[in-house]
Each structure stands twice: as structure tokens, then as C-alpha cells.
PDB file of N, CA and C in Angstrom:
ATOM      1  N   MET A   1       0.853  -1.187   0.000  1.00  0.00           N
ATOM      2  CA  MET A   1       0.000   0.000   0.000  1.00  0.00           C
ATOM      3  C   MET A   1       0.891   1.240   0.000  1.00  0.00           C
ATOM      4  N   ILE A   2       0.378   2.278  -0.636  1.00  0.00           N
ATOM      5  CA  ILE A   2       1.088   3.547  -0.744  1.00  0.00           C
ATOM      6  C   ILE A   2       0.084   4.679  -0.530  1.00  0.00           C
ATOM      7  N   SER A   3       0.538   5.756   0.116  1.00  0.00           N
ATOM      8  CA  SER A   3      -0.284   6.959   0.293  1.00  0.00           C
ATOM      9  C   SER A   3       0.067   7.928  -0.820  1.00  0.00           C
ATOM     10  N   LEU A   4      -0.944   8.412  -1.508  1.00  0.00           N
ATOM     11  CA  LEU A   4      -0.737   9.368  -2.598  1.00  0.00           C
ATOM     12  C   LEU A   4      -1.422  10.684  -2.266  1.00  0.00           C
ATOM     13  N   MET A   5      -0.717  11.783  -2.459  1.00  0.00           N
ATOM     14  CA  MET A   5      -1.315  13.115  -2.371  1.00  0.00           C
ATOM     15  C   MET A   5      -1.781  13.444  -3.783  1.00  0.00           C
ATOM     16  N   VAL A   6      -3.104  13.573  -3.946  1.00  0.00           N
ATOM     17  CA  VAL A   6      -3.693  13.742  -5.279  1.00  0.00           C
ATOM     18  C   VAL A   6      -4.532  15.012  -5.310  1.00  0.00           C
ATOM     19  N   LYS A   7      -4.238  15.866  -6.295  1.00  0.00           N
ATOM     20  CA  LYS A   7      -5.033  17.078  -6.519  1.00  0.00           C
ATOM     21  C   LYS A   7      -5.438  17.093  -7.988  1.00  0.00           C
ATOM     22  N   ASN A   8      -6.728  17.056  -8.247  1.00  0.00           N
ATOM     23  CA  ASN A   8      -7.252  17.032  -9.617  1.00  0.00           C
ATOM     24  C   ASN A   8      -6.639  15.890 -10.424  1.00  0.00           C
ATOM     25  N   ASN A   9      -6.568  14.726  -9.816  1.00  0.00           N
ATOM     26  CA  ASN A   9      -6.011  13.509 -10.412  1.00  0.00           C
ATOM     27  C   ASN A   9      -4.496  13.534 -10.554  1.00  0.00           C
ATOM     28  N   VAL A  10      -3.840  14.626 -10.225  1.00  0.00           N
ATOM     29  CA  VAL A  10      -2.388  14.732 -10.336  1.00  0.00           C
ATOM     30  C   VAL A  10      -1.765  14.309  -9.010  1.00  0.00           C
ATOM     31  N   ILE A  11      -0.804  13.381  -9.089  1.00  0.00           N
ATOM     32  CA  ILE A  11      -0.109  12.911  -7.883  1.00  0.00           C
ATOM     33  C   ILE A  11       1.030  13.876  -7.589  1.00  0.00           C
ATOM     34  N   THR A  12       0.955  14.544  -6.453  1.00  0.00           N
ATOM     35  CA  THR A  12       1.952  15.556  -6.099  1.00  0.00           C
ATOM     36  C   THR A  12       2.965  15.069  -5.067  1.00  0.00           C
ATOM     37  N   ASP A  13       2.623  13.967  -4.364  1.00  0.00           N
ATOM     38  CA  ASP A  13       3.537  13.423  -3.368  1.00  0.00           C
ATOM     39  C   ASP A  13       3.104  12.002  -3.047  1.00  0.00           C
ATOM     40  N   TYR A  14       4.002  11.261  -2.430  1.00  0.00           N
ATOM     41  CA  TYR A  14       3.649   9.902  -2.025  1.00  0.00           C
ATOM     42  C   TYR A  14       4.457   9.513  -0.796  1.00  0.00           C
ATOM     43  N   ALA A  15       4.014   8.472  -0.133  1.00  0.00           N
ATOM     44  CA  ALA A  15       4.752   7.863   0.973  1.00  0.00           C
ATOM     45  C   ALA A  15       4.371   6.398   1.020  1.00  0.00           C
ATOM     46  N   LYS A  16       5.356   5.551   1.270  1.00  0.00           N
ATOM     47  CA  LYS A  16       5.055   4.132   1.405  1.00  0.00           C
ATOM     48  C   LYS A  16       4.259   3.929   2.679  1.00  0.00           C
ATOM     49  N   GLY A  17       3.301   3.040   2.620  1.00  0.00           N
ATOM     50  CA  GLY A  17       2.446   2.809   3.778  1.00  0.00           C
ATOM     51  C   GLY A  17       1.426   3.923   3.899  1.00  0.00           C
ATOM     52  N   ASP A  18       1.120   4.288   5.145  1.00  0.00           N
ATOM     53  CA  ASP A  18       0.129   5.355   5.362  1.00  0.00           C
ATOM     54  C   ASP A  18       0.803   6.600   5.918  1.00  0.00           C
ATOM     55  N   GLY A  19       1.911   6.985   5.298  1.00  0.00           N
ATOM     56  CA  GLY A  19       2.731   8.090   5.803  1.00  0.00           C
ATOM     57  C   GLY A  19       2.211   9.482   5.535  1.00  0.00           C
ATOM     58  N   LEU A  20       1.227   9.630   4.702  1.00  0.00           N
ATOM     59  CA  LEU A  20       0.674  10.956   4.418  1.00  0.00           C
ATOM     60  C   LEU A  20      -0.712  11.082   5.034  1.00  0.00           C
ATOM     61  N   VAL A  21      -1.030  12.288   5.462  1.00  0.00           N
ATOM     62  CA  VAL A  21      -2.375  12.572   5.971  1.00  0.00           C
ATOM     63  C   VAL A  21      -2.870  13.867   5.334  1.00  0.00           C
ATOM     64  N   GLY A  22      -4.165  14.016   5.237  1.00  0.00           N
ATOM     65  CA  GLY A  22      -4.742  15.243   4.695  1.00  0.00           C
ATOM     66  C   GLY A  22      -5.956  14.950   3.845  1.00  0.00           C
ATOM     67  N   ASP A  23      -6.600  16.015   3.417  1.00  0.00           N
ATOM     68  CA  ASP A  23      -7.833  15.906   2.632  1.00  0.00           C
ATOM     69  C   ASP A  23      -7.609  15.268   1.266  1.00  0.00           C
ATOM     70  N   ASN A  24      -6.433  15.484   0.682  1.00  0.00           N
ATOM     71  CA  ASN A  24      -6.178  15.015  -0.678  1.00  0.00           C
ATOM     72  C   ASN A  24      -5.384  13.713  -0.723  1.00  0.00           C
ATOM     73  N   VAL A  25      -5.329  12.988   0.392  1.00  0.00           N
ATOM     74  CA  VAL A  25      -4.557  11.750   0.451  1.00  0.00           C
ATOM     75  C   VAL A  25      -5.447  10.561   0.091  1.00  0.00           C
ATOM     76  N   VAL A  26      -4.913   9.717  -0.793  1.00  0.00           N
ATOM     77  CA  VAL A  26      -5.601   8.497  -1.211  1.00  0.00           C
ATOM     78  C   VAL A  26      -4.712   7.320  -0.827  1.00  0.00           C
ATOM     79  N   GLN A  27      -5.294   6.335  -0.168  1.00  0.00           N
ATOM     80  CA  GLN A  27      -4.579   5.088   0.129  1.00  0.00           C
ATOM     81  C   GLN A  27      -4.742   4.190  -1.097  1.00  0.00           C
ATOM     82  N   PHE A  28      -3.623   3.893  -1.743  1.00  0.00           N
ATOM     83  CA  PHE A  28      -3.661   3.142  -3.006  1.00  0.00           C
ATOM     84  C   PHE A  28      -3.033   1.772  -2.801  1.00  0.00           C
ATOM     85  N   SER A  29      -3.763   0.736  -3.200  1.00  0.00           N
ATOM     86  CA  SER A  29      -3.231  -0.625  -3.062  1.00  0.00           C
ATOM     87  C   SER A  29      -3.216  -1.361  -4.398  1.00  0.00           C
ATOM     88  N   GLY A  30      -3.377  -0.599  -5.488  1.00  0.00           N
ATOM     89  CA  GLY A  30      -3.370  -1.212  -6.823  1.00  0.00           C
ATOM     90  C   GLY A  30      -1.947  -1.407  -7.330  1.00  0.00           C
ATOM     91  N   ASN A  31      -1.846  -1.665  -8.628  1.00  0.00           N
ATOM     92  CA  ASN A  31      -0.540  -1.875  -9.257  1.00  0.00           C
ATOM     93  C   ASN A  31       0.214  -0.548  -9.382  1.00  0.00           C
ATOM     94  N   ILE A  32       1.461  -0.584  -8.971  1.00  0.00           N
ATOM     95  CA  ILE A  32       2.323   0.591  -9.049  1.00  0.00           C
ATOM     96  C   ILE A  32       3.307   0.347 -10.186  1.00  0.00           C
ATOM     97  N   PRO A  33       3.456   1.299 -11.107  1.00  0.00           N
ATOM     98  CA  PRO A  33       4.409   1.104 -12.208  1.00  0.00           C
ATOM     99  C   PRO A  33       5.805   0.778 -11.670  1.00  0.00           C
ATOM    100  N   ASP A  34       6.525  -0.082 -12.398  1.00  0.00           N
ATOM    101  CA  ASP A  34       7.853  -0.519 -11.961  1.00  0.00           C
ATOM    102  C   ASP A  34       8.807   0.644 -11.730  1.00  0.00           C
ATOM    103  N   ASP A  35       8.700   1.679 -12.550  1.00  0.00           N
ATOM    104  CA  ASP A  35       9.630   2.809 -12.447  1.00  0.00           C
ATOM    105  C   ASP A  35       9.055   3.982 -11.647  1.00  0.00           C
ATOM    106  N   PHE A  36       7.949   3.753 -10.938  1.00  0.00           N
ATOM    107  CA  PHE A  36       7.296   4.836 -10.198  1.00  0.00           C
ATOM    108  C   PHE A  36       8.258   5.546  -9.248  1.00  0.00           C
ATOM    109  N   TYR A  37       8.967   4.793  -8.439  1.00  0.00           N
ATOM    110  CA  TYR A  37       9.836   5.395  -7.417  1.00  0.00           C
ATOM    111  C   TYR A  37      11.053   6.082  -8.042  1.00  0.00           C
ATOM    112  N   SER A  38      11.591   5.515  -9.096  1.00  0.00           N
ATOM    113  CA  SER A  38      12.795   6.101  -9.709  1.00  0.00           C
ATOM    114  C   SER A  38      12.471   7.313 -10.584  1.00  0.00           C
ATOM    115  N   LYS A  39      11.288   7.349 -11.176  1.00  0.00           N
ATOM    116  CA  LYS A  39      10.921   8.453 -12.066  1.00  0.00           C
ATOM    117  C   LYS A  39      10.051   9.517 -11.391  1.00  0.00           C
ATOM    118  N   PHE A  40       9.658   9.264 -10.141  1.00  0.00           N
ATOM    119  CA  PHE A  40       8.675  10.156  -9.519  1.00  0.00           C
ATOM    120  C   PHE A  40       9.172  11.597  -9.450  1.00  0.00           C
ATOM    121  N   ASN A  41       8.323  12.478  -9.870  1.00  0.00           N
ATOM    122  CA  ASN A  41       8.422  13.925  -9.676  1.00  0.00           C
ATOM    123  C   ASN A  41       6.995  14.403  -9.431  1.00  0.00           C
ATOM    124  N   PRO A  42       6.805  15.450  -8.632  1.00  0.00           N
ATOM    125  CA  PRO A  42       5.438  15.962  -8.464  1.00  0.00           C
ATOM    126  C   PRO A  42       4.822  16.268  -9.829  1.00  0.00           C
ATOM    127  N   SER A  43       3.625  15.780 -10.040  1.00  0.00           N
ATOM    128  CA  SER A  43       2.838  15.982 -11.263  1.00  0.00           C
ATOM    129  C   SER A  43       3.234  15.064 -12.421  1.00  0.00           C
ATOM    130  N   PHE A  44       4.243  14.208 -12.257  1.00  0.00           N
ATOM    131  CA  PHE A  44       4.658  13.311 -13.340  1.00  0.00           C
ATOM    132  C   PHE A  44       3.642  12.196 -13.560  1.00  0.00           C
ATOM    133  N   TYR A  45       2.949  11.818 -12.493  1.00  0.00           N
ATOM    134  CA  TYR A  45       1.965  10.738 -12.585  1.00  0.00           C
ATOM    135  C   TYR A  45       0.560  11.243 -12.265  1.00  0.00           C
ATOM    136  N   LEU A  46      -0.429  10.528 -12.831  1.00  0.00           N
ATOM    137  CA  LEU A  46      -1.839  10.785 -12.560  1.00  0.00           C
ATOM    138  C   LEU A  46      -2.449   9.540 -11.923  1.00  0.00           C
ATOM    139  N   LEU A  47      -3.461   9.752 -11.120  1.00  0.00           N
ATOM    140  CA  LEU A  47      -4.288   8.652 -10.642  1.00  0.00           C
ATOM    141  C   LEU A  47      -5.588   8.739 -11.428  1.00  0.00           C
ATOM    142  N   GLN A  48      -5.762   7.782 -12.342  1.00  0.00           N
ATOM    143  CA  GLN A  48      -6.914   7.837 -13.239  1.00  0.00           C
ATOM    144  C   GLN A  48      -7.539   6.448 -13.345  1.00  0.00           C
ATOM    145  N   ASP A  49      -8.815   6.362 -13.058  1.00  0.00           N
ATOM    146  CA  ASP A  49      -9.535   5.081 -13.101  1.00  0.00           C
ATOM    147  C   ASP A  49      -8.849   4.033 -12.238  1.00  0.00           C
ATOM    148  N   ASP A  50      -8.448   4.423 -11.034  1.00  0.00           N
ATOM    149  CA  ASP A  50      -7.767   3.544 -10.076  1.00  0.00           C
ATOM    150  C   ASP A  50      -6.467   2.964 -10.617  1.00  0.00           C
ATOM    151  N   LYS A  51      -5.807   3.702 -11.516  1.00  0.00           N
ATOM    152  CA  LYS A  51      -4.505   3.296 -12.053  1.00  0.00           C
ATOM    153  C   LYS A  51      -3.560   4.485 -11.977  1.00  0.00           C
ATOM    154  N   ILE A  52      -2.283   4.197 -11.748  1.00  0.00           N
ATOM    155  CA  ILE A  52      -1.250   5.238 -11.794  1.00  0.00           C
ATOM    156  C   ILE A  52      -0.692   5.231 -13.206  1.00  0.00           C
ATOM    157  N   ILE A  53      -0.824   6.366 -13.892  1.00  0.00           N
ATOM    158  CA  ILE A  53      -0.318   6.496 -15.264  1.00  0.00           C
ATOM    159  C   ILE A  53       0.549   7.738 -15.366  1.00  0.00           C
ATOM    160  N   GLU A  54       1.409   7.782 -16.395  1.00  0.00           N
ATOM    161  CA  GLU A  54       2.221   8.971 -16.627  1.00  0.00           C
ATOM    162  C   GLU A  54       1.323  10.100 -17.117  1.00  0.00           C
ATOM    163  N   ASN A  55       1.637  11.305 -16.657  1.00  0.00           N
ATOM    164  CA  ASN A  55       0.879  12.494 -17.017  1.00  0.00           C
ATOM    165  C   ASN A  55       1.337  12.977 -18.397  1.00  0.00           C
ATOM    166  N   PRO A  56       0.477  12.913 -19.412  1.00  0.00           N
ATOM    167  CA  PRO A  56       0.899  13.354 -20.751  1.00  0.00           C
ATOM    168  C   PRO A  56       1.159  14.864 -20.824  1.00  0.00           C
ATOM    169  N   ASP A  57       0.643  15.627 -19.863  1.00  0.00           N
ATOM    170  CA  ASP A  57       0.837  17.079 -19.859  1.00  0.00           C
ATOM    171  C   ASP A  57       2.005  17.513 -18.980  1.00  0.00           C
ATOM    172  N   TYR A  58       2.758  16.541 -18.443  1.00  0.00           N
ATOM    173  CA  TYR A  58       3.858  16.876 -17.532  1.00  0.00           C
ATOM    174  C   TYR A  58       4.928  17.672 -18.269  1.00  0.00           C
ATOM    175  N   VAL A  59       5.392  18.737 -17.620  1.00  0.00           N
ATOM    176  CA  VAL A  59       6.491  19.541 -18.131  1.00  0.00           C
ATOM    177  C   VAL A  59       7.564  19.552 -17.050  1.00  0.00           C
ATOM    178  N   GLU A  60       8.761  19.137 -17.424  1.00  0.00           N
ATOM    179  CA  GLU A  60       9.847  19.085 -16.452  1.00  0.00           C
ATOM    180  C   GLU A  60      10.196  20.500 -15.999  1.00  0.00           C
ATOM    181  N   PRO A  61      10.383  20.683 -14.679  1.00  0.00           N
ATOM    182  CA  PRO A  61      10.733  22.022 -14.176  1.00  0.00           C
ATOM    183  C   PRO A  61      12.059  22.502 -14.772  1.00  0.00           C
ATOM    184  N   SER A  62      12.129  23.767 -15.020  1.00  0.00           N
ATOM    185  CA  SER A  62      13.325  24.379 -15.590  1.00  0.00           C
ATOM    186  C   SER A  62      14.400  24.516 -14.527  1.00  0.00           C
ATOM    187  N   ASP A  63      15.650  24.231 -14.907  1.00  0.00           N
ATOM    188  CA  ASP A  63      16.776  24.425 -13.995  1.00  0.00           C
ATOM    189  C   ASP A  63      17.265  25.864 -14.022  1.00  0.00           C
ATOM    190  N   THR A  64      16.740  26.643 -14.946  1.00  0.00           N
ATOM    191  CA  THR A  64      17.159  28.029 -15.089  1.00  0.00           C
ATOM    192  C   THR A  64      16.595  28.851 -13.939  1.00  0.00           C
ATOM    193  N   PRO A  65      17.476  29.536 -13.192  1.00  0.00           N
ATOM    194  CA  PRO A  65      16.952  30.373 -12.106  1.00  0.00           C
ATOM    195  C   PRO A  65      16.176  31.550 -12.682  1.00  0.00           C
ATOM    196  N   PRO A  66      15.220  32.069 -11.926  1.00  0.00           N
ATOM    197  CA  PRO A  66      14.440  33.207 -12.431  1.00  0.00           C
ATOM    198  C   PRO A  66      15.331  34.429 -12.652  1.00  0.00           C
ATOM    199  N   VAL A  67      14.985  35.177 -13.662  1.00  0.00           N
ATOM    200  CA  VAL A  67      15.724  36.399 -13.982  1.00  0.00           C
ATOM    201  C   VAL A  67      15.359  37.471 -12.962  1.00  0.00           C
ATOM    202  N   ASN A  68      16.364  38.112 -12.418  1.00  0.00           N
ATOM    203  CA  ASN A  68      16.116  39.168 -11.439  1.00  0.00           C
ATOM    204  C   ASN A  68      15.925  40.496 -12.159  1.00  0.00           C
ATOM    205  N   SER A  69      14.763  40.661 -12.728  1.00  0.00           N
ATOM    206  CA  SER A  69      14.441  41.918 -13.386  1.00  0.00           C
ATOM    207  C   SER A  69      13.307  42.570 -12.617  1.00  0.00           C
ATOM    208  N   PRO A  70      13.248  43.890 -12.682  1.00  0.00           N
ATOM    209  CA  PRO A  70      12.192  44.569 -11.925  1.00  0.00           C
ATOM    210  C   PRO A  70      10.810  44.193 -12.447  1.00  0.00           C
ATOM    211  N   THR A  71       9.913  44.010 -11.542  1.00  0.00           N
ATOM    212  CA  THR A  71       8.540  43.715 -11.919  1.00  0.00           C
ATOM    213  C   THR A  71       7.809  45.023 -12.184  1.00  0.00           C
ATOM    214  N   SER A  72       6.635  44.923 -12.730  1.00  0.00           N
ATOM    215  CA  SER A  72       5.854  46.128 -12.988  1.00  0.00           C
ATOM    216  C   SER A  72       5.521  46.829 -11.678  1.00  0.00           C
ATOM    217  N   VAL A  73       5.335  46.073 -10.604  1.00  0.00           N
ATOM    218  CA  VAL A  73       5.062  46.687  -9.302  1.00  0.00           C
ATOM    219  C   VAL A  73       6.282  47.464  -8.833  1.00  0.00           C
ATOM    220  N   GLN A  74       7.473  46.853  -8.970  1.00  0.00           N
ATOM    221  CA  GLN A  74       8.691  47.538  -8.555  1.00  0.00           C
ATOM    222  C   GLN A  74       8.922  48.781  -9.401  1.00  0.00           C
ATOM    223  N   GLU A  75       8.658  48.692 -10.700  1.00  0.00           N
ATOM    224  CA  GLU A  75       8.804  49.857 -11.573  1.00  0.00           C
ATOM    225  C   GLU A  75       7.850  50.966 -11.151  1.00  0.00           C
ATOM    226  N   ALA A  76       6.627  50.607 -10.769  1.00  0.00           N
ATOM    227  CA  ALA A  76       5.650  51.595 -10.311  1.00  0.00           C
ATOM    228  C   ALA A  76       6.115  52.238  -9.001  1.00  0.00           C
ATOM    229  N   ILE A  77       6.673  51.454  -8.103  1.00  0.00           N
ATOM    230  CA  ILE A  77       7.182  51.987  -6.837  1.00  0.00           C
ATOM    231  C   ILE A  77       8.332  52.948  -7.099  1.00  0.00           C
ATOM    232  N   ASP A  78       9.244  52.572  -8.007  1.00  0.00           N
ATOM    233  CA  ASP A  78      10.362  53.453  -8.352  1.00  0.00           C
ATOM    234  C   ASP A  78       9.859  54.766  -8.951  1.00  0.00           C
ATOM    235  N   LYS A  79       8.883  54.676  -9.848  1.00  0.00           N
ATOM    236  CA  LYS A  79       8.321  55.880 -10.470  1.00  0.00           C
ATOM    237  C   LYS A  79       7.647  56.755  -9.420  1.00  0.00           C
ATOM    238  N   LEU A  80       6.935  56.132  -8.494  1.00  0.00           N
ATOM    239  CA  LEU A  80       6.289  56.877  -7.416  1.00  0.00           C
ATOM    240  C   LEU A  80       7.322  57.607  -6.570  1.00  0.00           C
ATOM    241  N   GLY A  81       8.453  56.958  -6.313  1.00  0.00           N
ATOM    242  CA  GLY A  81       9.540  57.614  -5.573  1.00  0.00           C
ATOM    243  C   GLY A  81      10.073  58.831  -6.311  1.00  0.00           C
ATOM    244  N   GLU A  82      10.239  58.699  -7.633  1.00  0.00           N
ATOM    245  CA  GLU A  82      10.707  59.831  -8.441  1.00  0.00           C
ATOM    246  C   GLU A  82       9.707  60.988  -8.398  1.00  0.00           C
ATOM    247  N   VAL A  83       8.416  60.661  -8.542  1.00  0.00           N
ATOM    248  CA  VAL A  83       7.375  61.691  -8.524  1.00  0.00           C
ATOM    249  C   VAL A  83       7.325  62.369  -7.159  1.00  0.00           C
ATOM    250  N   THR A  84       7.448  61.587  -6.086  1.00  0.00           N
ATOM    251  CA  THR A  84       7.431  62.147  -4.730  1.00  0.00           C
ATOM    252  C   THR A  84       8.608  63.098  -4.526  1.00  0.00           C
ATOM    253  N   ALA A  85       9.787  62.713  -5.014  1.00  0.00           N
ATOM    254  CA  ALA A  85      10.964  63.583  -4.899  1.00  0.00           C
ATOM    255  C   ALA A  85      10.751  64.885  -5.675  1.00  0.00           C
ATOM    256  N   LYS A  86      10.130  64.794  -6.873  1.00  0.00           N
ATOM    257  CA  LYS A  86       9.860  65.989  -7.683  1.00  0.00           C
ATOM    258  C   LYS A  86       8.868  66.906  -6.970  1.00  0.00           C
ATOM    259  N   ILE A  87       7.829  66.304  -6.365  1.00  0.00           N
ATOM    260  CA  ILE A  87       6.843  67.108  -5.626  1.00  0.00           C
ATOM    261  C   ILE A  87       7.511  67.811  -4.454  1.00  0.00           C
ATOM    262  N   ALA A  88       8.386  67.116  -3.747  1.00  0.00           N
ATOM    263  CA  ALA A  88       9.085  67.724  -2.609  1.00  0.00           C
ATOM    264  C   ALA A  88       9.956  68.878  -3.083  1.00  0.00           C
ATOM    265  N   GLU A  89      10.636  68.697  -4.221  1.00  0.00           N
ATOM    266  CA  GLU A  89      11.469  69.771  -4.769  1.00  0.00           C
ATOM    267  C   GLU A  89      10.607  70.967  -5.168  1.00  0.00           C
ATOM    268  N   ASP A  90       9.487  70.707  -5.853  1.00  0.00           N
ATOM    269  CA  ASP A  90       8.571  71.773  -6.248  1.00  0.00           C
ATOM    270  C   ASP A  90       8.019  72.495  -5.012  1.00  0.00           C
ATOM    271  N   ASP A  91       7.698  71.732  -3.968  1.00  0.00           N
ATOM    272  CA  ASP A  91       7.181  72.300  -2.727  1.00  0.00           C
ATOM    273  C   ASP A  91       8.203  73.255  -2.110  1.00  0.00           C
ATOM    274  N   ASN A  92       9.462  72.858  -2.117  1.00  0.00           N
ATOM    275  CA  ASN A  92      10.514  73.738  -1.572  1.00  0.00           C
ATOM    276  C   ASN A  92      10.658  75.004  -2.398  1.00  0.00           C
ATOM    277  N   GLN A  93      10.558  74.873  -3.727  1.00  0.00           N
ATOM    278  CA  GLN A  93      10.657  76.052  -4.584  1.00  0.00           C
ATOM    279  C   GLN A  93       9.473  76.996  -4.356  1.00  0.00           C
ATOM    280  N   ILE A  94       8.285  76.445  -4.148  1.00  0.00           N
ATOM    281  CA  ILE A  94       7.101  77.269  -3.870  1.00  0.00           C
ATOM    282  C   ILE A  94       7.272  77.996  -2.538  1.00  0.00           C
ATOM    283  N   LYS A  95       7.753  77.291  -1.527  1.00  0.00           N
ATOM    284  CA  LYS A  95       7.977  77.917  -0.224  1.00  0.00           C
ATOM    285  C   LYS A  95       9.001  79.045  -0.329  1.00  0.00           C
ATOM    286  N   LEU A  96      10.053  78.835  -1.101  1.00  0.00           N
ATOM    287  CA  LEU A  96      11.072  79.875  -1.290  1.00  0.00           C
ATOM    288  C   LEU A  96      10.467  81.085  -2.001  1.00  0.00           C
ATOM    289  N   ALA A  97       9.650  80.838  -3.037  1.00  0.00           N
ATOM    290  CA  ALA A  97       9.014  81.934  -3.764  1.00  0.00           C
ATOM    291  C   ALA A  97       8.048  82.701  -2.863  1.00  0.00           C
ATOM    292  N   LEU A  98       7.275  81.996  -2.035  1.00  0.00           N
ATOM    293  CA  LEU A  98       6.368  82.661  -1.099  1.00  0.00           C
ATOM    294  C   LEU A  98       7.135  83.497  -0.081  1.00  0.00           C
ATOM    295  N   ASN A  99       8.251  82.965   0.369  1.00  0.00           N
ATOM    296  CA  ASN A  99       9.083  83.712   1.315  1.00  0.00           C
ATOM    297  C   ASN A  99       9.589  85.012   0.671  1.00  0.00           C
ATOM    298  N   LYS A 100      10.069  84.912  -0.578  1.00  0.00           N
ATOM    299  CA  LYS A 100      10.545  86.108  -1.282  1.00  0.00           C
ATOM    300  C   LYS A 100       9.405  87.095  -1.498  1.00  0.00           C
ATOM    301  N   LEU A 101       8.238  86.581  -1.839  1.00  0.00           N
ATOM    302  CA  LEU A 101       7.073  87.439  -2.040  1.00  0.00           C
ATOM    303  C   LEU A 101       6.701  88.153  -0.742  1.00  0.00           C
ATOM    304  N   GLY A 102       6.743  87.411   0.364  1.00  0.00           N
ATOM    305  CA  GLY A 102       6.454  88.017   1.669  1.00  0.00           C
ATOM    306  C   GLY A 102       7.433  89.123   2.000  1.00  0.00           C
ATOM    307  N   LEU A 103       8.717  88.903   1.709  1.00  0.00           N
ATOM    308  CA  LEU A 103       9.734  89.941   1.954  1.00  0.00           C
ATOM    309  C   LEU A 103       9.491  91.157   1.060  1.00  0.00           C
ATOM    310  N   ALA A 104       9.093  90.903  -0.203  1.00  0.00           N
ATOM    311  CA  ALA A 104       8.830  92.018  -1.117  1.00  0.00           C
ATOM    312  C   ALA A 104       7.629  92.823  -0.641  1.00  0.00           C
ATOM    313  N   VAL A 105       6.583  92.150  -0.150  1.00  0.00           N
ATOM    314  CA  VAL A 105       5.410  92.852   0.374  1.00  0.00           C
ATOM    315  C   VAL A 105       5.806  93.677   1.597  1.00  0.00           C
ATOM    316  N   ALA A 106       6.620  93.111   2.468  1.00  0.00           N
ATOM    317  CA  ALA A 106       7.077  93.841   3.663  1.00  0.00           C
ATOM    318  C   ALA A 106       7.872  95.061   3.255  1.00  0.00           C
ATOM    319  N   ASP A 107       8.731  94.951   2.247  1.00  0.00           N
ATOM    320  CA  ASP A 107       9.510  96.096   1.763  1.00  0.00           C
ATOM    321  C   ASP A 107       8.585  97.177   1.207  1.00  0.00           C
ATOM    322  N   LEU A 108       7.546  96.779   0.446  1.00  0.00           N
ATOM    323  CA  LEU A 108       6.609  97.746  -0.099  1.00  0.00           C
ATOM    324  C   LEU A 108       5.846  98.470   1.004  1.00  0.00           C
ATOM    325  N   GLN A 109       5.469  97.726   2.054  1.00  0.00           N
ATOM    326  CA  GLN A 109       4.758  98.343   3.167  1.00  0.00           C
ATOM    327  C   GLN A 109       5.653  99.356   3.875  1.00  0.00           C
ATOM    328  N   GLN A 110       6.910  99.029   4.049  1.00  0.00           N
ATOM    329  CA  GLN A 110       7.836  99.964   4.706  1.00  0.00           C
ATOM    330  C   GLN A 110       8.050 101.181   3.823  1.00  0.00           C
ATOM    331  N   THR A 111       8.154 100.981   2.508  1.00  0.00           N
ATOM    332  CA  THR A 111       8.354 102.095   1.601  1.00  0.00           C
ATOM    333  C   THR A 111       7.138 103.003   1.641  1.00  0.00           C
ATOM    334  N   LYS A 112       5.946 102.461   1.691  1.00  0.00           N
ATOM    335  CA  LYS A 112       4.718 103.233   1.721  1.00  0.00           C
ATOM    336  C   LYS A 112       4.632 104.015   3.022  1.00  0.00           C
ATOM    337  N   GLU A 113       5.047 103.411   4.145  1.00  0.00           N
ATOM    338  CA  GLU A 113       4.989 104.093   5.451  1.00  0.00           C
ATOM    339  C   GLU A 113       6.005 105.244   5.498  1.00  0.00           C
ATOM    340  N   VAL A 114       7.139 105.090   4.849  1.00  0.00           N
ATOM    341  CA  VAL A 114       8.172 106.137   4.869  1.00  0.00           C
ATOM    342  C   VAL A 114       7.683 107.361   4.130  1.00  0.00           C
ATOM    343  N   LYS A 115       6.943 107.266   3.100  1.00  0.00           N
ATOM    344  CA  LYS A 115       6.513 108.395   2.294  1.00  0.00           C
ATOM    345  C   LYS A 115       5.483 109.154   2.990  1.00  0.00           C
TER     346      LYS A 115
END
């Protein structure tokens, strides 16, 4: 007997005996292919009509590590940082202009009082 973890007929894990527990575990006591243990990979086999068969849709996992390129979310975060920095710079320029305007108004008031 063998315990099979089965999701949508796809065998994702196994254990000899009753070593697996869970909602998707099937206790299988039928014929096991001779090369089952040596060829096993998650999703390589299906449990279909009480038989273990090779999955015709199986695709071997790629050994290529994922490319470390920025995702669209990361690109959006970077752009948001740039926009925030620009707003902060614009805010400082506005504050400087208001300060100069305030000084100019104060100078005009003093000039008007002197006359």
C-alpha cells in the first residue's frame, strides 16, 4: 500500500504505507508502475480510473533560475519615488518663492509708510 497526495487527479507526493495525511490523500493498493519510485516527480503521474499512469501534460521544471528583473510593481514603486521627490522639490521652490514674495510685500509696506 502507498499513500498518494492527489489534486485534480495529479499525484503531487507519495509515501510508502500510510505516511501521508490530509484531505487530498488516497490510500492506493493497486498496481504501481515498476519505475514509479525512480521516475517520480510531483505531477509526473496521474491517478486515473484507479490506475497510476504517466501524465501526458507533464512539463519538467526548468533548472534556469528566475531572472532578477524589476517587476511592474517595482517599476511603479520606483516611479512613485521619483514623482514624490519631484513634488518635494517643487514644494521647496514654492515655499522659497512665497518667502521672497512676503519679503517684497514687507519692503513695499515699509516704503509706503516712509513716504
